[in-house]
């Protein structure tokens, strides 16, 4: 499975945990330039996965809040 395909099926928590490990390894240093670049690229992929999950969660939350507001407004109109 290609890394792009793999990143697409990762859950938020999996991507976040792997991203934390990537950052830890980069901060620790001691890796070659090539390995550091590979880690950086993987970190970018993981950050995108996390961002997509969070944007999706925000959209779902916004939709739920808008639906709740519409229902409340409809109930208020019905009571008048």
PDB file of N, CA and C in Angstrom:
ATOM      1  N   UNK A   1       0.857  -1.188   0.000  1.00  0.00           N
ATOM      2  CA  UNK A   1       0.000   0.000   0.000  1.00  0.00           C
ATOM      3  C   UNK A   1       0.897   1.243   0.000  1.00  0.00           C
ATOM      4  N   UNK A   2       0.626   2.157  -0.866  1.00  0.00           N
ATOM      5  CA  UNK A   2       1.410   3.390  -0.948  1.00  0.00           C
ATOM      6  C   UNK A   2       1.141   4.263   0.262  1.00  0.00           C
ATOM      7  N   UNK A   3       2.086   5.108   0.585  1.00  0.00           N
ATOM      8  CA  UNK A   3       1.927   5.973   1.758  1.00  0.00           C
ATOM      9  C   UNK A   3       0.714   6.873   1.648  1.00  0.00           C
ATOM     10  N   UNK A   4       0.431   7.374   0.462  1.00  0.00           N
ATOM     11  CA  UNK A   4      -0.735   8.234   0.281  1.00  0.00           C
ATOM     12  C   UNK A   4      -2.010   7.459   0.568  1.00  0.00           C
ATOM     13  N   UNK A   5      -2.097   6.220   0.069  1.00  0.00           N
ATOM     14  CA  UNK A   5      -3.259   5.384   0.337  1.00  0.00           C
ATOM     15  C   UNK A   5      -3.363   5.072   1.827  1.00  0.00           C
ATOM     16  N   UNK A   6      -2.228   4.776   2.437  1.00  0.00           N
ATOM     17  CA  UNK A   6      -2.189   4.469   3.858  1.00  0.00           C
ATOM     18  C   UNK A   6      -2.670   5.658   4.674  1.00  0.00           C
ATOM     19  N   UNK A   7      -2.204   6.848   4.341  1.00  0.00           N
ATOM     20  CA  UNK A   7      -2.600   8.049   5.074  1.00  0.00           C
ATOM     21  C   UNK A   7      -4.090   8.312   4.941  1.00  0.00           C
ATOM     22  N   UNK A   8      -4.660   7.928   3.803  1.00  0.00           N
ATOM     23  CA  UNK A   8      -6.079   8.183   3.568  1.00  0.00           C
ATOM     24  C   UNK A   8      -6.965   7.332   4.477  1.00  0.00           C
ATOM     25  N   UNK A   9      -6.486   6.178   4.922  1.00  0.00           N
ATOM     26  CA  UNK A   9      -7.313   5.302   5.743  1.00  0.00           C
ATOM     27  C   UNK A   9      -6.993   5.409   7.235  1.00  0.00           C
ATOM     28  N   UNK A  10      -6.028   6.213   7.587  1.00  0.00           N
ATOM     29  CA  UNK A  10      -5.690   6.383   9.008  1.00  0.00           C
ATOM     30  C   UNK A  10      -6.790   7.140   9.731  1.00  0.00           C
ATOM     31  N   UNK A  11      -7.084   6.715  10.925  1.00  0.00           N
ATOM     32  CA  UNK A  11      -7.974   7.475  11.775  1.00  0.00           C
ATOM     33  C   UNK A  11      -7.232   8.665  12.349  1.00  0.00           C
ATOM     34  N   UNK A  12      -7.986   9.590  12.926  1.00  0.00           N
ATOM     35  CA  UNK A  12      -7.371  10.795  13.482  1.00  0.00           C
ATOM     36  C   UNK A  12      -6.330  10.455  14.549  1.00  0.00           C
ATOM     37  N   UNK A  13      -6.707   9.601  15.499  1.00  0.00           N
ATOM     38  CA  UNK A  13      -5.813   9.283  16.605  1.00  0.00           C
ATOM     39  C   UNK A  13      -4.537   8.598  16.123  1.00  0.00           C
ATOM     40  N   UNK A  14      -4.678   7.706  15.134  1.00  0.00           N
ATOM     41  CA  UNK A  14      -3.503   7.034  14.581  1.00  0.00           C
ATOM     42  C   UNK A  14      -2.568   8.046  13.925  1.00  0.00           C
ATOM     43  N   UNK A  15      -3.131   8.922  13.108  1.00  0.00           N
ATOM     44  CA  UNK A  15      -2.318   9.924  12.412  1.00  0.00           C
ATOM     45  C   UNK A  15      -1.663  10.861  13.409  1.00  0.00           C
ATOM     46  N   UNK A  16      -2.422  11.287  14.416  1.00  0.00           N
ATOM     47  CA  UNK A  16      -1.878  12.197  15.428  1.00  0.00           C
ATOM     48  C   UNK A  16      -0.733  11.543  16.187  1.00  0.00           C
ATOM     49  N   UNK A  17      -0.926  10.290  16.598  1.00  0.00           N
ATOM     50  CA  UNK A  17       0.118   9.600  17.352  1.00  0.00           C
ATOM     51  C   UNK A  17       1.379   9.406  16.523  1.00  0.00           C
ATOM     52  N   UNK A  18       1.201   9.036  15.256  1.00  0.00           N
ATOM     53  CA  UNK A  18       2.374   8.882  14.390  1.00  0.00           C
ATOM     54  C   UNK A  18       3.050  10.224  14.159  1.00  0.00           C
ATOM     55  N   UNK A  19       2.260  11.284  14.010  1.00  0.00           N
ATOM     56  CA  UNK A  19       2.830  12.624  13.827  1.00  0.00           C
ATOM     57  C   UNK A  19       3.654  13.030  15.043  1.00  0.00           C
ATOM     58  N   UNK A  20       3.150  12.726  16.222  1.00  0.00           N
ATOM     59  CA  UNK A  20       3.894  13.034  17.452  1.00  0.00           C
ATOM     60  C   UNK A  20       5.242  12.307  17.436  1.00  0.00           C
ATOM     61  N   UNK A  21       5.234  11.057  17.011  1.00  0.00           N
ATOM     62  CA  UNK A  21       6.480  10.278  16.949  1.00  0.00           C
ATOM     63  C   UNK A  21       7.438  10.864  15.909  1.00  0.00           C
ATOM     64  N   UNK A  22       6.915  11.284  14.774  1.00  0.00           N
ATOM     65  CA  UNK A  22       7.751  11.895  13.740  1.00  0.00           C
ATOM     66  C   UNK A  22       8.412  13.162  14.283  1.00  0.00           C
ATOM     67  N   UNK A  23       7.637  13.992  14.939  1.00  0.00           N
ATOM     68  CA  UNK A  23       8.180  15.239  15.503  1.00  0.00           C
ATOM     69  C   UNK A  23       9.239  14.924  16.550  1.00  0.00           C
ATOM     70  N   UNK A  24       8.966  13.929  17.399  1.00  0.00           N
ATOM     71  CA  UNK A  24       9.934  13.547  18.428  1.00  0.00           C
ATOM     72  C   UNK A  24      11.261  13.117  17.795  1.00  0.00           C
ATOM     73  N   UNK A  25      11.164  12.320  16.731  1.00  0.00           N
ATOM     74  CA  UNK A  25      12.384  11.854  16.064  1.00  0.00           C
ATOM     75  C   UNK A  25      13.133  12.996  15.393  1.00  0.00           C
ATOM     76  N   UNK A  26      12.394  13.930  14.786  1.00  0.00           N
ATOM     77  CA  UNK A  26      13.052  15.084  14.156  1.00  0.00           C
ATOM     78  C   UNK A  26      13.723  15.969  15.205  1.00  0.00           C
ATOM     79  N   UNK A  27      13.040  16.186  16.322  1.00  0.00           N
ATOM     80  CA  UNK A  27      13.610  17.027  17.376  1.00  0.00           C
ATOM     81  C   UNK A  27      14.822  16.381  18.041  1.00  0.00           C
ATOM     82  N   UNK A  28      14.826  15.062  18.094  1.00  0.00           N
ATOM     83  CA  UNK A  28      15.944  14.351  18.714  1.00  0.00           C
ATOM     84  C   UNK A  28      17.213  14.472  17.879  1.00  0.00           C
ATOM     85  N   UNK A  29      17.037  14.658  16.571  1.00  0.00           N
ATOM     86  CA  UNK A  29      18.192  14.787  15.693  1.00  0.00           C
ATOM     87  C   UNK A  29      18.895  13.452  15.504  1.00  0.00           C
ATOM     88  N   UNK A  30      20.106  13.518  14.959  1.00  0.00           N
ATOM     89  CA  UNK A  30      20.901  12.326  14.771  1.00  0.00           C
ATOM     90  C   UNK A  30      20.536  11.514  13.543  1.00  0.00           C
ATOM     91  N   UNK A  31      19.630  12.014  12.710  1.00  0.00           N
ATOM     92  CA  UNK A  31      19.288  11.301  11.492  1.00  0.00           C
ATOM     93  C   UNK A  31      19.965  11.984  10.312  1.00  0.00           C
ATOM     94  N   UNK A  32      20.152  11.221   9.263  1.00  0.00           N
ATOM     95  CA  UNK A  32      20.764  11.785   8.064  1.00  0.00           C
ATOM     96  C   UNK A  32      19.816  12.800   7.436  1.00  0.00           C
ATOM     97  N   UNK A  33      20.354  13.588   6.556  1.00  0.00           N
ATOM     98  CA  UNK A  33      19.535  14.574   5.852  1.00  0.00           C
ATOM     99  C   UNK A  33      18.418  13.878   5.085  1.00  0.00           C
ATOM    100  N   UNK A  34      18.752  12.778   4.411  1.00  0.00           N
ATOM    101  CA  UNK A  34      17.747  12.043   3.642  1.00  0.00           C
ATOM    102  C   UNK A  34      16.640  11.512   4.558  1.00  0.00           C
ATOM    103  N   UNK A  35      17.019  10.941   5.691  1.00  0.00           N
ATOM    104  CA  UNK A  35      16.024  10.433   6.641  1.00  0.00           C
ATOM    105  C   UNK A  35      15.189  11.564   7.231  1.00  0.00           C
ATOM    106  N   UNK A  36      15.829  12.683   7.517  1.00  0.00           N
ATOM    107  CA  UNK A  36      15.105  13.836   8.056  1.00  0.00           C
ATOM    108  C   UNK A  36      14.082  14.358   7.064  1.00  0.00           C
ATOM    109  N   UNK A  37      14.461  14.415   5.796  1.00  0.00           N
ATOM    110  CA  UNK A  37      13.520  14.859   4.763  1.00  0.00           C
ATOM    111  C   UNK A  37      12.358  13.894   4.627  1.00  0.00           C
ATOM    112  N   UNK A  38      12.643  12.591   4.695  1.00  0.00           N
ATOM    113  CA  UNK A  38      11.579  11.587   4.610  1.00  0.00           C
ATOM    114  C   UNK A  38      10.636  11.726   5.808  1.00  0.00           C
ATOM    115  N   UNK A  39      11.197  11.940   6.987  1.00  0.00           N
ATOM    116  CA  UNK A  39      10.358  12.147   8.174  1.00  0.00           C
ATOM    117  C   UNK A  39       9.507  13.403   8.021  1.00  0.00           C
ATOM    118  N   UNK A  40      10.120  14.469   7.527  1.00  0.00           N
ATOM    119  CA  UNK A  40       9.391  15.732   7.333  1.00  0.00           C
ATOM    120  C   UNK A  40       8.215  15.524   6.366  1.00  0.00           C
ATOM    121  N   UNK A  41       8.474  14.844   5.261  1.00  0.00           N
ATOM    122  CA  UNK A  41       7.413  14.588   4.285  1.00  0.00           C
ATOM    123  C   UNK A  41       6.301  13.742   4.895  1.00  0.00           C
ATOM    124  N   UNK A  42       6.665  12.734   5.671  1.00  0.00           N
ATOM    125  CA  UNK A  42       5.655  11.906   6.337  1.00  0.00           C
ATOM    126  C   UNK A  42       4.858  12.756   7.320  1.00  0.00           C
ATOM    127  N   UNK A  43       5.540  13.619   8.033  1.00  0.00           N
ATOM    128  CA  UNK A  43       4.857  14.506   8.971  1.00  0.00           C
ATOM    129  C   UNK A  43       3.861  15.412   8.263  1.00  0.00           C
ATOM    130  N   UNK A  44       4.221  15.915   7.090  1.00  0.00           N
ATOM    131  CA  UNK A  44       3.310  16.751   6.314  1.00  0.00           C
ATOM    132  C   UNK A  44       2.076  15.960   5.901  1.00  0.00           C
ATOM    133  N   UNK A  45       2.274  14.708   5.458  1.00  0.00           N
ATOM    134  CA  UNK A  45       1.136  13.862   5.084  1.00  0.00           C
ATOM    135  C   UNK A  45       0.217  13.640   6.285  1.00  0.00           C
ATOM    136  N   UNK A  46       0.810  13.324   7.419  1.00  0.00           N
ATOM    137  CA  UNK A  46       0.031  13.058   8.626  1.00  0.00           C
ATOM    138  C   UNK A  46      -0.713  14.298   9.094  1.00  0.00           C
ATOM    139  N   UNK A  47      -0.068  15.456   8.992  1.00  0.00           N
ATOM    140  CA  UNK A  47      -0.724  16.711   9.381  1.00  0.00           C
ATOM    141  C   UNK A  47      -1.939  16.962   8.486  1.00  0.00           C
ATOM    142  N   UNK A  48      -1.835  16.642   7.204  1.00  0.00           N
ATOM    143  CA  UNK A  48      -2.974  16.807   6.292  1.00  0.00           C
ATOM    144  C   UNK A  48      -4.114  15.880   6.675  1.00  0.00           C
ATOM    145  N   UNK A  49      -3.777  14.648   7.041  1.00  0.00           N
ATOM    146  CA  UNK A  49      -4.806  13.702   7.466  1.00  0.00           C
ATOM    147  C   UNK A  49      -5.526  14.251   8.695  1.00  0.00           C
ATOM    148  N   UNK A  50      -4.753  14.714   9.674  1.00  0.00           N
ATOM    149  CA  UNK A  50      -5.348  15.276  10.892  1.00  0.00           C
ATOM    150  C   UNK A  50      -6.222  16.479  10.563  1.00  0.00           C
ATOM    151  N   UNK A  51      -5.734  17.346   9.696  1.00  0.00           N
ATOM    152  CA  UNK A  51      -6.492  18.538   9.316  1.00  0.00           C
ATOM    153  C   UNK A  51      -7.811  18.160   8.655  1.00  0.00           C
ATOM    154  N   UNK A  52      -7.785  17.158   7.763  1.00  0.00           N
ATOM    155  CA  UNK A  52      -9.028  16.719   7.109  1.00  0.00           C
ATOM    156  C   UNK A  52     -10.024  16.175   8.132  1.00  0.00           C
ATOM    157  N   UNK A  53      -9.545  15.385   9.076  1.00  0.00           N
ATOM    158  CA  UNK A  53     -10.433  14.866  10.118  1.00  0.00           C
ATOM    159  C   UNK A  53     -11.039  15.999  10.928  1.00  0.00           C
ATOM    160  N   UNK A  54     -10.218  16.964  11.317  1.00  0.00           N
ATOM    161  CA  UNK A  54     -10.709  18.071  12.134  1.00  0.00           C
ATOM    162  C   UNK A  54     -11.674  18.960  11.351  1.00  0.00           C
ATOM    163  N   UNK A  55     -11.387  19.200  10.076  1.00  0.00           N
ATOM    164  CA  UNK A  55     -12.307  19.992   9.253  1.00  0.00           C
ATOM    165  C   UNK A  55     -13.638  19.265   9.086  1.00  0.00           C
ATOM    166  N   UNK A  56     -13.581  17.948   8.918  1.00  0.00           N
ATOM    167  CA  UNK A  56     -14.804  17.160   8.813  1.00  0.00           C
ATOM    168  C   UNK A  56     -15.613  17.210  10.096  1.00  0.00           C
ATOM    169  N   UNK A  57     -14.923  17.113  11.216  1.00  0.00           N
ATOM    170  CA  UNK A  57     -15.609  17.194  12.516  1.00  0.00           C
ATOM    171  C   UNK A  57     -16.238  18.567  12.699  1.00  0.00           C
ATOM    172  N   UNK A  58     -15.536  19.614  12.298  1.00  0.00           N
ATOM    173  CA  UNK A  58     -16.064  20.976  12.418  1.00  0.00           C
ATOM    174  C   UNK A  58     -17.304  21.140  11.545  1.00  0.00           C
ATOM    175  N   UNK A  59     -17.260  20.606  10.337  1.00  0.00           N
ATOM    176  CA  UNK A  59     -18.412  20.699   9.432  1.00  0.00           C
ATOM    177  C   UNK A  59     -19.617  19.972  10.013  1.00  0.00           C
ATOM    178  N   UNK A  60     -19.388  18.788  10.578  1.00  0.00           N
ATOM    179  CA  UNK A  60     -20.488  18.035  11.195  1.00  0.00           C
ATOM    180  C   UNK A  60     -21.062  18.790  12.384  1.00  0.00           C
ATOM    181  N   UNK A  61     -20.198  19.366  13.191  1.00  0.00           N
ATOM    182  CA  UNK A  61     -20.648  20.137  14.347  1.00  0.00           C
ATOM    183  C   UNK A  61     -21.448  21.354  13.901  1.00  0.00           C
ATOM    184  N   UNK A  62     -20.927  22.078  12.924  1.00  0.00           N
ATOM    185  CA  UNK A  62     -21.639  23.258  12.417  1.00  0.00           C
ATOM    186  C   UNK A  62     -23.006  22.881  11.858  1.00  0.00           C
ATOM    187  N   UNK A  63     -23.069  21.768  11.119  1.00  0.00           N
ATOM    188  CA  UNK A  63     -24.349  21.327  10.552  1.00  0.00           C
ATOM    189  C   UNK A  63     -25.331  20.956  11.657  1.00  0.00           C
ATOM    190  N   UNK A  64     -24.839  20.286  12.677  1.00  0.00           N
ATOM    191  CA  UNK A  64     -25.698  19.898  13.797  1.00  0.00           C
ATOM    192  C   UNK A  64     -26.223  21.125  14.536  1.00  0.00           C
ATOM    193  N   UNK A  65     -25.334  22.095  14.772  1.00  0.00           N
ATOM    194  CA  UNK A  65     -25.752  23.321  15.458  1.00  0.00           C
ATOM    195  C   UNK A  65     -26.753  24.112  14.620  1.00  0.00           C
ATOM    196  N   UNK A  66     -26.549  24.168  13.308  1.00  0.00           N
ATOM    197  CA  UNK A  66     -27.476  24.874  12.430  1.00  0.00           C
ATOM    198  C   UNK A  66     -28.833  24.186  12.430  1.00  0.00           C
ATOM    199  N   UNK A  67     -28.832  22.861  12.430  1.00  0.00           N
ATOM    200  CA  UNK A  67     -30.085  22.105  12.462  1.00  0.00           C
ATOM    201  C   UNK A  67     -30.822  22.350  13.784  1.00  0.00           C
ATOM    202  N   UNK A  68     -30.079  22.338  14.865  1.00  0.00           N
ATOM    203  CA  UNK A  68     -30.687  22.587  16.178  1.00  0.00           C
ATOM    204  C   UNK A  68     -31.281  23.996  16.251  1.00  0.00           C
ATOM    205  N   UNK A  69     -30.551  24.959  15.705  1.00  0.00           N
ATOM    206  CA  UNK A  69     -31.039  26.335  15.701  1.00  0.00           C
ATOM    207  C   UNK A  69     -32.313  26.445  14.866  1.00  0.00           C
ATOM    208  N   UNK A  70     -32.336  25.799  13.715  1.00  0.00           N
ATOM    209  CA  UNK A  70     -33.516  25.838  12.846  1.00  0.00           C
ATOM    210  C   UNK A  70     -34.713  25.200  13.550  1.00  0.00           C
ATOM    211  N   UNK A  71     -34.489  24.090  14.233  1.00  0.00           N
ATOM    212  CA  UNK A  71     -35.577  23.434  14.962  1.00  0.00           C
ATOM    213  C   UNK A  71     -36.104  24.328  16.080  1.00  0.00           C
ATOM    214  N   UNK A  72     -35.212  24.985  16.793  1.00  0.00           N
ATOM    215  CA  UNK A  72     -35.611  25.881  17.878  1.00  0.00           C
ATOM    216  C   UNK A  72     -36.417  27.050  17.334  1.00  0.00           C
ATOM    217  N   UNK A  73     -35.958  27.611  16.203  1.00  0.00           N
ATOM    218  CA  UNK A  73     -36.688  28.729  15.600  1.00  0.00           C
ATOM    219  C   UNK A  73     -38.064  28.286  15.120  1.00  0.00           C
ATOM    220  N   UNK A  74     -38.149  27.085  14.579  1.00  0.00           N
ATOM    221  CA  UNK A  74     -39.428  26.559  14.107  1.00  0.00           C
ATOM    222  C   UNK A  74     -40.379  26.337  15.291  1.00  0.00           C
ATOM    223  N   UNK A  75     -39.867  25.818  16.376  1.00  0.00           N
ATOM    224  CA  UNK A  75     -40.698  25.608  17.575  1.00  0.00           C
ATOM    225  C   UNK A  75     -41.194  26.930  18.128  1.00  0.00           C
ATOM    226  N   UNK A  76     -40.328  27.955  18.088  1.00  0.00           N
ATOM    227  CA  UNK A  76     -40.700  29.277  18.573  1.00  0.00           C
ATOM    228  C   UNK A  76     -41.826  29.861  17.707  1.00  0.00           C
ATOM    229  N   UNK A  77     -41.720  29.695  16.381  1.00  0.00           N
ATOM    230  CA  UNK A  77     -42.757  30.198  15.480  1.00  0.00           C
ATOM    231  C   UNK A  77     -44.063  29.455  15.706  1.00  0.00           C
ATOM    232  N   UNK A  78     -43.997  28.153  15.954  1.00  0.00           N
ATOM    233  CA  UNK A  78     -45.200  27.359  16.181  1.00  0.00           C
ATOM    234  C   UNK A  78     -45.903  27.772  17.467  1.00  0.00           C
ATOM    235  N   UNK A  79     -45.144  28.235  18.450  1.00  0.00           N
ATOM    236  CA  UNK A  79     -45.718  28.638  19.733  1.00  0.00           C
ATOM    237  C   UNK A  79     -46.399  30.006  19.652  1.00  0.00           C
ATOM    238  N   UNK A  80     -46.052  30.779  18.653  1.00  0.00           N
ATOM    239  CA  UNK A  80     -46.604  32.153  18.538  1.00  0.00           C
ATOM    240  C   UNK A  80     -48.005  32.166  18.029  1.00  0.00           C
TER     241      UNK A  80
END
